[in-house]
C-alpha cells in the first residue's frame, strides 16, 4: 500500500551534500517534489521532500540518509 508524506532533511556540513544527492537520486522513484533552502548564516541546508511509496521504500530512503554523517532525516506519512 502506498502512502504519501514528507521527509525533512537537515544537512549540517556541506561536505555531505554529494552523498545526500546520491541517495536522493537512487530513491528518486518515491520523490514527487523537492525544495531546498540553504541557510548561509549557519551553514546548514534544509531539504523538504514530498514522497509517495510504500512504507518500506520511504524507510529505506530515510535510513540511507540517516547513515550519512552530519545529516538528519525525519519522515511523516499518512495513515492510509
PDB file of N, CA and C in Angstrom:
ATOM      1  N   UNK A   1       0.847  -1.180   0.000  1.00  0.00           N
ATOM      2  CA  UNK A   1       0.000   0.000   0.000  1.00  0.00           C
ATOM      3  C   UNK A   1       0.892   1.243   0.000  1.00  0.00           C
ATOM      4  N   UNK A   2       0.618   2.164  -0.909  1.00  0.00           N
ATOM      5  CA  UNK A   2       1.387   3.401  -0.986  1.00  0.00           C
ATOM      6  C   UNK A   2       0.860   4.439  -0.015  1.00  0.00           C
ATOM      7  N   UNK A   3       1.778   5.191   0.525  1.00  0.00           N
ATOM      8  CA  UNK A   3       1.434   6.294   1.409  1.00  0.00           C
ATOM      9  C   UNK A   3       2.082   7.564   0.885  1.00  0.00           C
ATOM     10  N   UNK A   4       1.485   8.683   1.243  1.00  0.00           N
ATOM     11  CA  UNK A   4       2.029   9.989   0.883  1.00  0.00           C
ATOM     12  C   UNK A   4       2.568  10.623   2.156  1.00  0.00           C
ATOM     13  N   UNK A   5       3.629  11.388   2.023  1.00  0.00           N
ATOM     14  CA  UNK A   5       4.193  12.023   3.208  1.00  0.00           C
ATOM     15  C   UNK A   5       5.246  13.047   2.869  1.00  0.00           C
ATOM     16  N   UNK A   6       5.922  13.493   3.916  1.00  0.00           N
ATOM     17  CA  UNK A   6       7.010  14.448   3.773  1.00  0.00           C
ATOM     18  C   UNK A   6       8.244  13.895   4.482  1.00  0.00           C
ATOM     19  N   UNK A   7       9.392  14.250   3.963  1.00  0.00           N
ATOM     20  CA  UNK A   7      10.664  13.922   4.600  1.00  0.00           C
ATOM     21  C   UNK A   7      11.422  15.233   4.761  1.00  0.00           C
ATOM     22  N   UNK A   8      11.815  15.531   5.990  1.00  0.00           N
ATOM     23  CA  UNK A   8      12.614  16.724   6.279  1.00  0.00           C
ATOM     24  C   UNK A   8      14.062  16.284   6.474  1.00  0.00           C
ATOM     25  N   UNK A   9      14.960  16.981   5.805  1.00  0.00           N
ATOM     26  CA  UNK A   9      16.387  16.645   5.864  1.00  0.00           C
ATOM     27  C   UNK A   9      17.154  17.899   6.259  1.00  0.00           C
ATOM     28  N   UNK A  10      18.060  17.764   7.234  1.00  0.00           N
ATOM     29  CA  UNK A  10      18.941  18.861   7.618  1.00  0.00           C
ATOM     30  C   UNK A  10      20.369  18.382   7.401  1.00  0.00           C
ATOM     31  N   UNK A  11      21.094  19.112   6.570  1.00  0.00           N
ATOM     32  CA  UNK A  11      22.491  18.805   6.281  1.00  0.00           C
ATOM     33  C   UNK A  11      23.334  19.879   6.948  1.00  0.00           C
ATOM     34  N   UNK A  12      24.105  19.487   7.963  1.00  0.00           N
ATOM     35  CA  UNK A  12      24.845  20.489   8.733  1.00  0.00           C
ATOM     36  C   UNK A  12      26.291  20.664   8.282  1.00  0.00           C
ATOM     37  N   UNK A  13      26.719  19.918   7.269  1.00  0.00           N
ATOM     38  CA  UNK A  13      28.068  20.073   6.723  1.00  0.00           C
ATOM     39  C   UNK A  13      27.989  19.903   5.210  1.00  0.00           C
ATOM     40  N   UNK A  14      28.414  20.912   4.483  1.00  0.00           N
ATOM     41  CA  UNK A  14      28.301  20.884   3.023  1.00  0.00           C
ATOM     42  C   UNK A  14      29.104  19.748   2.384  1.00  0.00           C
ATOM     43  N   UNK A  15      30.055  19.181   3.111  1.00  0.00           N
ATOM     44  CA  UNK A  15      30.833  18.057   2.582  1.00  0.00           C
ATOM     45  C   UNK A  15      29.944  16.813   2.405  1.00  0.00           C
ATOM     46  N   UNK A  16      28.802  16.777   3.072  1.00  0.00           N
ATOM     47  CA  UNK A  16      27.885  15.641   2.983  1.00  0.00           C
ATOM     48  C   UNK A  16      26.896  15.764   1.831  1.00  0.00           C
ATOM     49  N   UNK A  17      26.850  16.923   1.191  1.00  0.00           N
ATOM     50  CA  UNK A  17      25.861  17.170   0.136  1.00  0.00           C
ATOM     51  C   UNK A  17      25.972  16.178  -1.021  1.00  0.00           C
ATOM     52  N   UNK A  18      27.155  15.842  -1.527  1.00  0.00           N
ATOM     53  CA  UNK A  18      27.211  14.872  -2.632  1.00  0.00           C
ATOM     54  C   UNK A  18      26.617  13.509  -2.263  1.00  0.00           C
ATOM     55  N   UNK A  19      26.837  13.054  -1.030  1.00  0.00           N
ATOM     56  CA  UNK A  19      26.269  11.782  -0.592  1.00  0.00           C
ATOM     57  C   UNK A  19      24.746  11.873  -0.517  1.00  0.00           C
ATOM     58  N   UNK A  20      24.237  13.003  -0.015  1.00  0.00           N
ATOM     59  CA  UNK A  20      22.787  13.201   0.061  1.00  0.00           C
ATOM     60  C   UNK A  20      22.192  13.171  -1.336  1.00  0.00           C
ATOM     61  N   UNK A  21      22.819  13.879  -2.260  1.00  0.00           N
ATOM     62  CA  UNK A  21      22.320  13.915  -3.638  1.00  0.00           C
ATOM     63  C   UNK A  21      22.301  12.527  -4.256  1.00  0.00           C
ATOM     64  N   UNK A  22      23.326  11.739  -3.969  1.00  0.00           N
ATOM     65  CA  UNK A  22      23.391  10.379  -4.499  1.00  0.00           C
ATOM     66  C   UNK A  22      22.239   9.519  -3.966  1.00  0.00           C
ATOM     67  N   UNK A  23      21.948   9.640  -2.675  1.00  0.00           N
ATOM     68  CA  UNK A  23      20.843   8.875  -2.081  1.00  0.00           C
ATOM     69  C   UNK A  23      19.511   9.321  -2.677  1.00  0.00           C
ATOM     70  N   UNK A  24      19.325  10.626  -2.817  1.00  0.00           N
ATOM     71  CA  UNK A  24      18.070  11.130  -3.386  1.00  0.00           C
ATOM     72  C   UNK A  24      17.883  10.644  -4.821  1.00  0.00           C
ATOM     73  N   UNK A  25      18.945  10.619  -5.578  1.00  0.00           N
ATOM     74  CA  UNK A  25      18.874  10.145  -6.956  1.00  0.00           C
ATOM     75  C   UNK A  25      18.513   8.664  -7.005  1.00  0.00           C
ATOM     76  N   UNK A  26      19.118   7.872  -6.131  1.00  0.00           N
ATOM     77  CA  UNK A  26      18.850   6.432  -6.155  1.00  0.00           C
ATOM     78  C   UNK A  26      17.450   6.078  -5.644  1.00  0.00           C
ATOM     79  N   UNK A  27      16.818   6.983  -4.892  1.00  0.00           N
ATOM     80  CA  UNK A  27      15.459   6.760  -4.399  1.00  0.00           C
ATOM     81  C   UNK A  27      14.459   7.694  -5.102  1.00  0.00           C
ATOM     82  N   UNK A  28      14.817   8.169  -6.253  1.00  0.00           N
ATOM     83  CA  UNK A  28      14.002   9.142  -6.978  1.00  0.00           C
ATOM     84  C   UNK A  28      12.607   8.678  -7.336  1.00  0.00           C
ATOM     85  N   UNK A  29      12.384   7.376  -7.389  1.00  0.00           N
ATOM     86  CA  UNK A  29      11.066   6.868  -7.779  1.00  0.00           C
ATOM     87  C   UNK A  29       9.984   7.186  -6.753  1.00  0.00           C
ATOM     88  N   UNK A  30      10.349   7.475  -5.508  1.00  0.00           N
ATOM     89  CA  UNK A  30       9.345   7.796  -4.485  1.00  0.00           C
ATOM     90  C   UNK A  30       9.240   9.300  -4.221  1.00  0.00           C
ATOM     91  N   UNK A  31      10.110  10.093  -4.840  1.00  0.00           N
ATOM     92  CA  UNK A  31      10.124  11.540  -4.601  1.00  0.00           C
ATOM     93  C   UNK A  31       9.248  12.241  -5.631  1.00  0.00           C
ATOM     94  N   UNK A  32       8.212  12.934  -5.146  1.00  0.00           N
ATOM     95  CA  UNK A  32       7.295  13.662  -6.033  1.00  0.00           C
ATOM     96  C   UNK A  32       7.688  15.130  -6.162  1.00  0.00           C
ATOM     97  N   UNK A  33       8.286  15.683  -5.126  1.00  0.00           N
ATOM     98  CA  UNK A  33       8.677  17.087  -5.137  1.00  0.00           C
ATOM     99  C   UNK A  33       9.782  17.338  -4.138  1.00  0.00           C
ATOM    100  N   UNK A  34      10.535  18.412  -4.387  1.00  0.00           N
ATOM    101  CA  UNK A  34      11.687  18.711  -3.546  1.00  0.00           C
ATOM    102  C   UNK A  34      11.874  20.210  -3.457  1.00  0.00           C
ATOM    103  N   UNK A  35      12.172  20.700  -2.247  1.00  0.00           N
ATOM    104  CA  UNK A  35      12.505  22.111  -2.051  1.00  0.00           C
ATOM    105  C   UNK A  35      13.711  22.176  -1.132  1.00  0.00           C
ATOM    106  N   UNK A  36      14.714  22.907  -1.522  1.00  0.00           N
ATOM    107  CA  UNK A  36      15.917  23.051  -0.708  1.00  0.00           C
ATOM    108  C   UNK A  36      16.159  24.505  -0.349  1.00  0.00           C
ATOM    109  N   UNK A  37      16.486  24.735   0.911  1.00  0.00           N
ATOM    110  CA  UNK A  37      16.750  26.086   1.405  1.00  0.00           C
ATOM    111  C   UNK A  37      18.114  26.099   2.088  1.00  0.00           C
ATOM    112  N   UNK A  38      19.088  26.824   1.539  1.00  0.00           N
ATOM    113  CA  UNK A  38      20.375  26.943   2.225  1.00  0.00           C
ATOM    114  C   UNK A  38      20.319  28.066   3.263  1.00  0.00           C
ATOM    115  N   UNK A  39      20.882  27.820   4.429  1.00  0.00           N
ATOM    116  CA  UNK A  39      20.992  28.855   5.466  1.00  0.00           C
ATOM    117  C   UNK A  39      22.463  29.255   5.544  1.00  0.00           C
ATOM    118  N   UNK A  40      22.804  30.318   4.860  1.00  0.00           N
ATOM    119  CA  UNK A  40      24.198  30.730   4.750  1.00  0.00           C
ATOM    120  C   UNK A  40      24.787  31.166   6.085  1.00  0.00           C
ATOM    121  N   UNK A  41      23.970  31.678   6.978  1.00  0.00           N
ATOM    122  CA  UNK A  41      24.471  32.110   8.283  1.00  0.00           C
ATOM    123  C   UNK A  41      24.956  30.935   9.120  1.00  0.00           C
ATOM    124  N   UNK A  42      24.169  29.873   9.161  1.00  0.00           N
ATOM    125  CA  UNK A  42      24.540  28.728   9.986  1.00  0.00           C
ATOM    126  C   UNK A  42      25.336  27.672   9.215  1.00  0.00           C
ATOM    127  N   UNK A  43      25.296  27.755   7.899  1.00  0.00           N
ATOM    128  CA  UNK A  43      25.973  26.752   7.079  1.00  0.00           C
ATOM    129  C   UNK A  43      25.176  25.479   6.917  1.00  0.00           C
ATOM    130  N   UNK A  44      23.926  25.472   7.371  1.00  0.00           N
ATOM    131  CA  UNK A  44      23.074  24.288   7.249  1.00  0.00           C
ATOM    132  C   UNK A  44      22.176  24.414   6.027  1.00  0.00           C
ATOM    133  N   UNK A  45      21.818  23.273   5.488  1.00  0.00           N
ATOM    134  CA  UNK A  45      20.891  23.210   4.366  1.00  0.00           C
ATOM    135  C   UNK A  45      19.684  22.388   4.792  1.00  0.00           C
ATOM    136  N   UNK A  46      18.494  22.861   4.453  1.00  0.00           N
ATOM    137  CA  UNK A  46      17.262  22.141   4.773  1.00  0.00           C
ATOM    138  C   UNK A  46      16.601  21.748   3.465  1.00  0.00           C
ATOM    139  N   UNK A  47      16.220  20.481   3.377  1.00  0.00           N
ATOM    140  CA  UNK A  47      15.550  19.963   2.191  1.00  0.00           C
ATOM    141  C   UNK A  47      14.220  19.355   2.627  1.00  0.00           C
ATOM    142  N   UNK A  48      13.163  19.704   1.929  1.00  0.00           N
ATOM    143  CA  UNK A  48      11.848  19.122   2.186  1.00  0.00           C
ATOM    144  C   UNK A  48      11.448  18.312   0.960  1.00  0.00           C
ATOM    145  N   UNK A  49      11.057  17.070   1.180  1.00  0.00           N
ATOM    146  CA  UNK A  49      10.629  16.190   0.097  1.00  0.00           C
ATOM    147  C   UNK A  49       9.164  15.825   0.263  1.00  0.00           C
ATOM    148  N   UNK A  50       8.445  15.765  -0.830  1.00  0.00           N
ATOM    149  CA  UNK A  50       7.121  15.159  -0.858  1.00  0.00           C
ATOM    150  C   UNK A  50       7.337  13.770  -1.438  1.00  0.00           C
ATOM    151  N   UNK A  51       6.903  12.751  -0.716  1.00  0.00           N
ATOM    152  CA  UNK A  51       7.161  11.375  -1.137  1.00  0.00           C
ATOM    153  C   UNK A  51       5.865  10.596  -1.262  1.00  0.00           C
ATOM    154  N   UNK A  52       5.894   9.574  -2.117  1.00  0.00           N
ATOM    155  CA  UNK A  52       4.765   8.663  -2.271  1.00  0.00           C
ATOM    156  C   UNK A  52       5.335   7.300  -2.594  1.00  0.00           C
ATOM    157  N   UNK A  53       5.040   6.334  -1.739  1.00  0.00           N
ATOM    158  CA  UNK A  53       5.542   4.984  -1.935  1.00  0.00           C
ATOM    159  C   UNK A  53       5.165   4.118  -0.758  1.00  0.00           C
ATOM    160  N   UNK A  54       5.681   2.908  -0.749  1.00  0.00           N
ATOM    161  CA  UNK A  54       5.410   2.002   0.361  1.00  0.00           C
ATOM    162  C   UNK A  54       6.203   2.460   1.585  1.00  0.00           C
ATOM    163  N   UNK A  55       5.773   2.008   2.745  1.00  0.00           N
ATOM    164  CA  UNK A  55       6.489   2.337   3.980  1.00  0.00           C
ATOM    165  C   UNK A  55       7.935   1.852   3.882  1.00  0.00           C
ATOM    166  N   UNK A  56       8.127   0.692   3.296  1.00  0.00           N
ATOM    167  CA  UNK A  56       9.474   0.136   3.158  1.00  0.00           C
ATOM    168  C   UNK A  56      10.359   1.013   2.276  1.00  0.00           C
ATOM    169  N   UNK A  57       9.808   1.507   1.167  1.00  0.00           N
ATOM    170  CA  UNK A  57      10.589   2.361   0.263  1.00  0.00           C
ATOM    171  C   UNK A  57      10.976   3.669   0.945  1.00  0.00           C
ATOM    172  N   UNK A  58      10.036   4.275   1.637  1.00  0.00           N
ATOM    173  CA  UNK A  58      10.304   5.560   2.290  1.00  0.00           C
ATOM    174  C   UNK A  58      11.256   5.368   3.468  1.00  0.00           C
ATOM    175  N   UNK A  59      11.104   4.260   4.191  1.00  0.00           N
ATOM    176  CA  UNK A  59      12.021   3.955   5.292  1.00  0.00           C
ATOM    177  C   UNK A  59      13.437   3.716   4.776  1.00  0.00           C
ATOM    178  N   UNK A  60      13.554   3.081   3.622  1.00  0.00           N
ATOM    179  CA  UNK A  60      14.875   2.867   3.024  1.00  0.00           C
ATOM    180  C   UNK A  60      15.534   4.207   2.692  1.00  0.00           C
ATOM    181  N   UNK A  61      14.742   5.137   2.179  1.00  0.00           N
ATOM    182  CA  UNK A  61      15.263   6.474   1.868  1.00  0.00           C
ATOM    183  C   UNK A  61      15.745   7.180   3.133  1.00  0.00           C
ATOM    184  N   UNK A  62      14.898   7.260   4.149  1.00  0.00           N
ATOM    185  CA  UNK A  62      15.284   7.970   5.370  1.00  0.00           C
ATOM    186  C   UNK A  62      16.422   7.256   6.096  1.00  0.00           C
ATOM    187  N   UNK A  63      16.430   5.935   6.035  1.00  0.00           N
ATOM    188  CA  UNK A  63      17.520   5.184   6.658  1.00  0.00           C
ATOM    189  C   UNK A  63      18.857   5.451   5.991  1.00  0.00           C
ATOM    190  N   UNK A  64      18.858   5.477   4.665  1.00  0.00           N
ATOM    191  CA  UNK A  64      20.095   5.766   3.927  1.00  0.00           C
ATOM    192  C   UNK A  64      20.584   7.173   4.217  1.00  0.00           C
ATOM    193  N   UNK A  65      19.656   8.120   4.311  1.00  0.00           N
ATOM    194  CA  UNK A  65      20.047   9.495   4.638  1.00  0.00           C
ATOM    195  C   UNK A  65      20.591   9.580   6.056  1.00  0.00           C
ATOM    196  N   UNK A  66      19.959   8.878   6.985  1.00  0.00           N
ATOM    197  CA  UNK A  66      20.376   8.924   8.383  1.00  0.00           C
ATOM    198  C   UNK A  66      21.745   8.329   8.639  1.00  0.00           C
ATOM    199  N   UNK A  67      22.222   7.488   7.734  1.00  0.00           N
ATOM    200  CA  UNK A  67      23.551   6.897   7.885  1.00  0.00           C
ATOM    201  C   UNK A  67      24.668   7.822   7.396  1.00  0.00           C
ATOM    202  N   UNK A  68      24.311   8.940   6.790  1.00  0.00           N
ATOM    203  CA  UNK A  68      25.319   9.895   6.320  1.00  0.00           C
ATOM    204  C   UNK A  68      25.695  10.814   7.478  1.00  0.00           C
ATOM    205  N   UNK A  69      26.982  10.984   7.681  1.00  0.00           N
ATOM    206  CA  UNK A  69      27.466  11.842   8.762  1.00  0.00           C
ATOM    207  C   UNK A  69      26.997  13.284   8.545  1.00  0.00           C
ATOM    208  N   UNK A  70      26.586  13.932   9.619  1.00  0.00           N
ATOM    209  CA  UNK A  70      26.121  15.328   9.624  1.00  0.00           C
ATOM    210  C   UNK A  70      24.792  15.522   8.890  1.00  0.00           C
ATOM    211  N   UNK A  71      23.997  14.462   8.783  1.00  0.00           N
ATOM    212  CA  UNK A  71      22.687  14.543   8.129  1.00  0.00           C
ATOM    213  C   UNK A  71      21.637  13.970   9.072  1.00  0.00           C
ATOM    214  N   UNK A  72      20.526  14.688   9.217  1.00  0.00           N
ATOM    215  CA  UNK A  72      19.379  14.209   9.986  1.00  0.00           C
ATOM    216  C   UNK A  72      18.183  14.147   9.033  1.00  0.00           C
ATOM    217  N   UNK A  73      17.386  13.100   9.160  1.00  0.00           N
ATOM    218  CA  UNK A  73      16.214  12.948   8.305  1.00  0.00           C
ATOM    219  C   UNK A  73      15.056  12.401   9.134  1.00  0.00           C
ATOM    220  N   UNK A  74      13.898  13.007   8.967  1.00  0.00           N
ATOM    221  CA  UNK A  74      12.674  12.567   9.649  1.00  0.00           C
ATOM    222  C   UNK A  74      11.542  12.522   8.648  1.00  0.00           C
ATOM    223  N   UNK A  75      10.655  11.560   8.816  1.00  0.00           N
ATOM    224  CA  UNK A  75       9.524  11.461   7.893  1.00  0.00           C
ATOM    225  C   UNK A  75       8.204  11.483   8.660  1.00  0.00           C
ATOM    226  N   UNK A  76       7.173  11.893   7.946  1.00  0.00           N
ATOM    227  CA  UNK A  76       5.816  11.845   8.450  1.00  0.00           C
ATOM    228  C   UNK A  76       4.951  11.355   7.292  1.00  0.00           C
ATOM    229  N   UNK A  77       4.185  10.277   7.541  1.00  0.00           N
ATOM    230  CA  UNK A  77       3.408   9.654   6.477  1.00  0.00           C
ATOM    231  C   UNK A  77       1.930   9.636   6.842  1.00  0.00           C
ATOM    232  N   UNK A  78       1.095   9.588   5.811  1.00  0.00           N
ATOM    233  CA  UNK A  78      -0.325   9.419   6.035  1.00  0.00           C
ATOM    234  C   UNK A  78      -0.591   8.031   6.600  1.00  0.00           C
ATOM    235  N   UNK A  79      -1.712   7.871   7.265  1.00  0.00           N
ATOM    236  CA  UNK A  79      -2.051   6.560   7.849  1.00  0.00           C
ATOM    237  C   UNK A  79      -2.559   5.595   6.794  1.00  0.00           C
ATOM    238  N   UNK A  80      -3.124   6.112   5.726  1.00  0.00           N
ATOM    239  CA  UNK A  80      -3.695   5.251   4.694  1.00  0.00           C
ATOM    240  C   UNK A  80      -3.022   5.489   3.368  1.00  0.00           C
TER     241      UNK A  80
END
